[in-house]
Amino acid sequence: MQLWVGLGNPGPKHAMERHNVGFMAADVIAEMHRFGPVQKKFQGWLQEGRIGGEKILLLKPATFMNESGRSVGEALRFYKLGIEDLTVFHDELDLAPFKVKVKRGGGTAGHNGLRSIDQHLGPDFRRVRLGIGHPGHKDRVTGYVLGNYAMGEMDDLTDMLAALAGEAEWLAKGEDARFMSDVALRQQETER
């Protein structure tokens, strides 16, 4: 069993913000892989399903980003899972828009959701980094991250989310390199 967490902020006003792309990823995975109904658990929304042969618990913390670790920690403890069973989907300033990279461990790069999870559980969880690009100057980061995706970005956003959900079986199997390469290939095909 694995716990996959999409990071975001709850509420309709945050729904289309770049900072909420982790929530978007969780929603598309749940829909594409026909996960069960949403349950209110662990200070968030939980759905259960299977991807390939793996049982996946999909959690969207409702705690707001800076308290995500509380929700994630509760779920891990309840299911007696270890940090190696945790995968977190989050927005990444240091990646070009719509690029998808996976890594285990590392710093938080100022991301409050990652910082909260790190404080509660340590840094050694797997991260699916969803590129949002950088606005160019650190003074513009907050407004950019909390800004909505532009209309001109919607096709690329949809393609990225569909690609990662479509290739999620590789992630479930722990084949991160294959997942990244197949997501990138799928995105290239949709650009043609």
Protein backbone atom coordinates (compact mmCIF):
# COMPACT_ATOMS: atom_id res chain seq x y z
CA MET A 1 0.00 0.00 0.00
CA GLN A 2 1.21 3.51 -0.83
CA LEU A 3 0.07 6.97 0.21
CA TRP A 4 0.08 9.55 -2.57
CA VAL A 5 -0.51 13.14 -1.50
CA GLY A 6 -1.48 16.06 -3.71
CA LEU A 7 -0.59 19.41 -2.15
CA GLY A 8 -2.82 22.45 -2.45
CA ASN A 9 -5.00 24.89 -0.55
CA PRO A 10 -8.68 24.10 0.00
CA GLY A 11 -11.55 26.18 -1.35
CA PRO A 12 -12.80 27.31 -4.75
CA LYS A 13 -10.77 30.55 -4.75
CA HIS A 14 -7.55 28.48 -4.81
CA ALA A 15 -8.71 25.83 -7.29
CA MET A 16 -6.84 27.08 -10.39
CA GLU A 17 -3.75 28.51 -8.69
CA ARG A 18 -0.31 27.20 -9.69
CA HIS A 19 0.25 26.28 -6.02
CA ASN A 20 -2.68 23.83 -6.32
CA VAL A 21 -1.32 21.73 -9.17
CA GLY A 22 -0.75 18.89 -6.66
CA PHE A 23 -4.50 18.82 -5.93
CA MET A 24 -5.17 18.85 -9.68
CA ALA A 25 -2.84 15.87 -10.18
CA ALA A 26 -4.59 13.91 -7.41
CA ASP A 27 -8.01 14.62 -8.94
CA VAL A 28 -6.99 13.52 -12.44
CA ILE A 29 -5.31 10.33 -11.13
CA ALA A 30 -8.42 9.47 -9.09
CA GLU A 31 -10.70 10.06 -12.06
CA MET A 32 -8.60 8.25 -14.67
CA HIS A 33 -8.03 5.21 -12.44
CA ARG A 34 -11.64 5.16 -11.12
CA PHE A 35 -10.81 5.54 -7.45
CA GLY A 36 -13.56 5.14 -4.85
CA PRO A 37 -15.64 7.98 -3.39
CA VAL A 38 -14.06 10.82 -1.43
CA GLN A 39 -13.98 10.29 2.33
CA LYS A 40 -13.26 13.02 4.88
CA LYS A 41 -10.34 11.63 6.87
CA PHE A 42 -7.02 12.75 8.34
CA GLN A 43 -7.91 16.46 8.09
CA GLY A 44 -8.32 16.03 4.35
CA TRP A 45 -10.01 14.16 1.54
CA LEU A 46 -9.04 10.53 0.96
CA GLN A 47 -9.79 8.23 -1.97
CA GLU A 48 -8.77 4.60 -2.34
CA GLY A 49 -8.00 2.78 -5.54
CA ARG A 50 -5.65 0.55 -7.48
CA ILE A 51 -3.08 1.45 -10.08
CA GLY A 52 -1.74 -1.64 -11.74
CA GLY A 53 -1.36 -4.16 -8.94
CA GLU A 54 -0.76 -1.55 -6.24
CA LYS A 55 -3.26 -0.25 -3.69
CA ILE A 56 -2.99 3.53 -3.58
CA LEU A 57 -4.43 5.89 -0.97
CA LEU A 58 -4.79 9.37 -2.47
CA LEU A 59 -4.90 12.23 0.04
CA LYS A 60 -5.54 15.94 -0.41
CA PRO A 61 -4.86 17.67 2.94
CA ALA A 62 -7.53 20.28 3.81
CA THR A 63 -5.23 21.96 6.32
CA PHE A 64 -3.84 24.65 4.00
CA MET A 65 -0.36 24.18 2.64
CA ASN A 66 1.68 25.18 5.70
CA GLU A 67 0.02 22.48 7.87
CA SER A 68 0.02 19.62 5.32
CA GLY A 69 2.38 17.54 7.46
CA ARG A 70 -0.28 17.09 10.16
CA SER A 71 -2.69 15.45 7.71
CA VAL A 72 -0.02 13.35 5.99
CA GLY A 73 1.47 12.19 9.31
CA GLU A 74 -1.95 11.11 10.61
CA ALA A 75 -2.63 9.03 7.49
CA LEU A 76 0.82 7.36 7.51
CA ARG A 77 0.51 6.44 11.19
CA PHE A 78 -3.06 5.15 10.82
CA TYR A 79 -2.11 2.79 7.97
CA LYS A 80 1.26 1.93 9.59
CA LEU A 81 3.13 3.06 6.48
CA GLY A 82 6.71 4.29 6.38
CA ILE A 83 8.23 7.35 4.72
CA GLU A 84 9.28 5.06 1.83
CA ASP A 85 5.55 4.54 1.05
CA LEU A 86 4.87 8.28 0.66
CA THR A 87 4.77 10.18 -2.64
CA VAL A 88 3.98 13.91 -2.69
CA PHE A 89 2.82 15.81 -5.81
CA HIS A 90 3.68 19.52 -5.64
CA ASP A 91 4.37 22.66 -7.65
CA GLU A 92 8.04 23.38 -8.38
CA LEU A 93 9.36 26.88 -9.17
CA ASP A 94 12.77 25.56 -10.22
CA LEU A 95 11.39 23.46 -13.09
CA ALA A 96 10.21 24.77 -16.46
CA PRO A 97 6.42 24.96 -16.75
CA PHE A 98 4.75 21.56 -17.23
CA LYS A 99 7.96 19.54 -16.78
CA VAL A 100 7.61 16.55 -14.44
CA LYS A 101 10.52 15.22 -12.37
CA VAL A 102 10.66 12.67 -9.57
CA LYS A 103 13.19 12.57 -6.76
CA ARG A 104 13.49 11.13 -3.29
CA GLY A 105 14.51 13.38 -0.43
CA GLY A 106 16.06 16.80 -0.66
CA GLY A 107 15.34 20.28 0.59
CA THR A 108 12.08 22.20 0.63
CA ALA A 109 13.12 25.14 -1.60
CA GLY A 110 10.86 27.44 0.40
CA HIS A 111 7.75 25.34 -0.30
CA ASN A 112 5.56 25.51 2.82
CA GLY A 113 3.81 22.19 2.13
CA LEU A 114 7.11 20.33 1.77
CA ARG A 115 8.51 22.14 4.82
CA SER A 116 5.54 21.01 6.92
CA ILE A 117 5.84 17.37 5.81
CA ASP A 118 9.61 17.48 6.38
CA GLN A 119 9.05 18.83 9.94
CA HIS A 120 6.57 16.06 10.75
CA LEU A 121 8.19 13.10 8.96
CA GLY A 122 11.69 13.98 7.76
CA PRO A 123 12.88 14.68 4.20
CA ASP A 124 13.19 11.17 2.72
CA PHE A 125 9.86 10.95 0.89
CA ARG A 126 9.42 10.71 -2.88
CA ARG A 127 8.41 13.94 -4.60
CA VAL A 128 6.74 14.35 -7.98
CA ARG A 129 7.80 17.87 -8.90
CA LEU A 130 5.38 19.61 -11.26
CA GLY A 131 7.09 22.53 -12.97
CA ILE A 132 5.46 25.95 -12.81
CA GLY A 133 8.52 27.99 -13.81
CA HIS A 134 9.87 31.02 -12.00
CA PRO A 135 8.53 34.57 -12.46
CA GLY A 136 12.08 35.92 -12.70
CA HIS A 137 12.43 37.82 -9.43
CA LYS A 138 11.94 36.58 -5.87
CA ASP A 139 9.70 39.57 -5.04
CA ARG A 140 7.15 38.26 -7.56
CA VAL A 141 7.13 34.62 -6.38
CA THR A 142 4.18 34.78 -3.96
CA GLY A 143 1.82 36.49 -6.41
CA TYR A 144 2.91 34.15 -9.19
CA VAL A 145 2.54 30.94 -7.19
CA LEU A 146 -0.85 32.03 -5.82
CA GLY A 147 -1.93 33.28 -9.24
CA ASN A 148 -4.21 31.30 -11.51
CA TYR A 149 -3.00 29.50 -14.61
CA ALA A 150 -3.52 31.70 -17.67
CA MET A 151 -6.02 30.67 -20.36
CA GLY A 152 -3.10 30.15 -22.77
CA GLU A 153 -1.60 27.55 -20.40
CA MET A 154 -4.71 25.35 -20.07
CA ASP A 155 -3.89 22.96 -22.93
CA ASP A 156 -0.36 22.36 -21.60
CA LEU A 157 -1.69 21.92 -18.05
CA THR A 158 -4.30 19.41 -19.23
CA ASP A 159 -1.69 17.52 -21.27
CA MET A 160 0.72 17.33 -18.31
CA LEU A 161 -1.97 16.09 -15.90
CA ALA A 162 -3.27 13.53 -18.41
CA ALA A 163 0.28 12.29 -19.09
CA LEU A 164 1.18 11.82 -15.44
CA ALA A 165 -2.12 10.08 -14.66
CA GLY A 166 -1.77 7.91 -17.76
CA GLU A 167 1.74 6.80 -16.79
CA ALA A 168 1.04 6.51 -13.04
CA GLU A 169 1.45 2.73 -13.11
CA TRP A 170 5.23 3.18 -13.50
CA LEU A 171 5.23 5.42 -10.43
CA ALA A 172 3.20 2.84 -8.48
CA LYS A 173 5.79 0.17 -9.43
CA GLY A 174 8.65 2.39 -8.26
CA GLU A 175 10.01 2.83 -11.78
CA ASP A 176 10.55 6.58 -11.52
CA ALA A 177 12.87 6.95 -14.52
CA ARG A 178 10.42 5.12 -16.80
CA PHE A 179 7.57 7.26 -15.44
CA MET A 180 9.45 10.51 -16.20
CA SER A 181 10.48 9.45 -19.68
CA ASP A 182 7.01 8.18 -20.64
CA VAL A 183 5.34 11.35 -19.32
CA ALA A 184 7.78 13.47 -21.38
CA LEU A 185 7.16 11.34 -24.49
CA ARG A 186 3.41 11.61 -24.09
CA GLN A 187 3.69 15.41 -23.73
CA GLN A 188 5.82 15.63 -26.90
CA GLU A 189 3.21 13.65 -28.84
CA THR A 190 0.45 16.06 -27.83
CA GLU A 191 2.57 19.04 -28.95
CA ARG A 192 2.70 17.74 -32.51
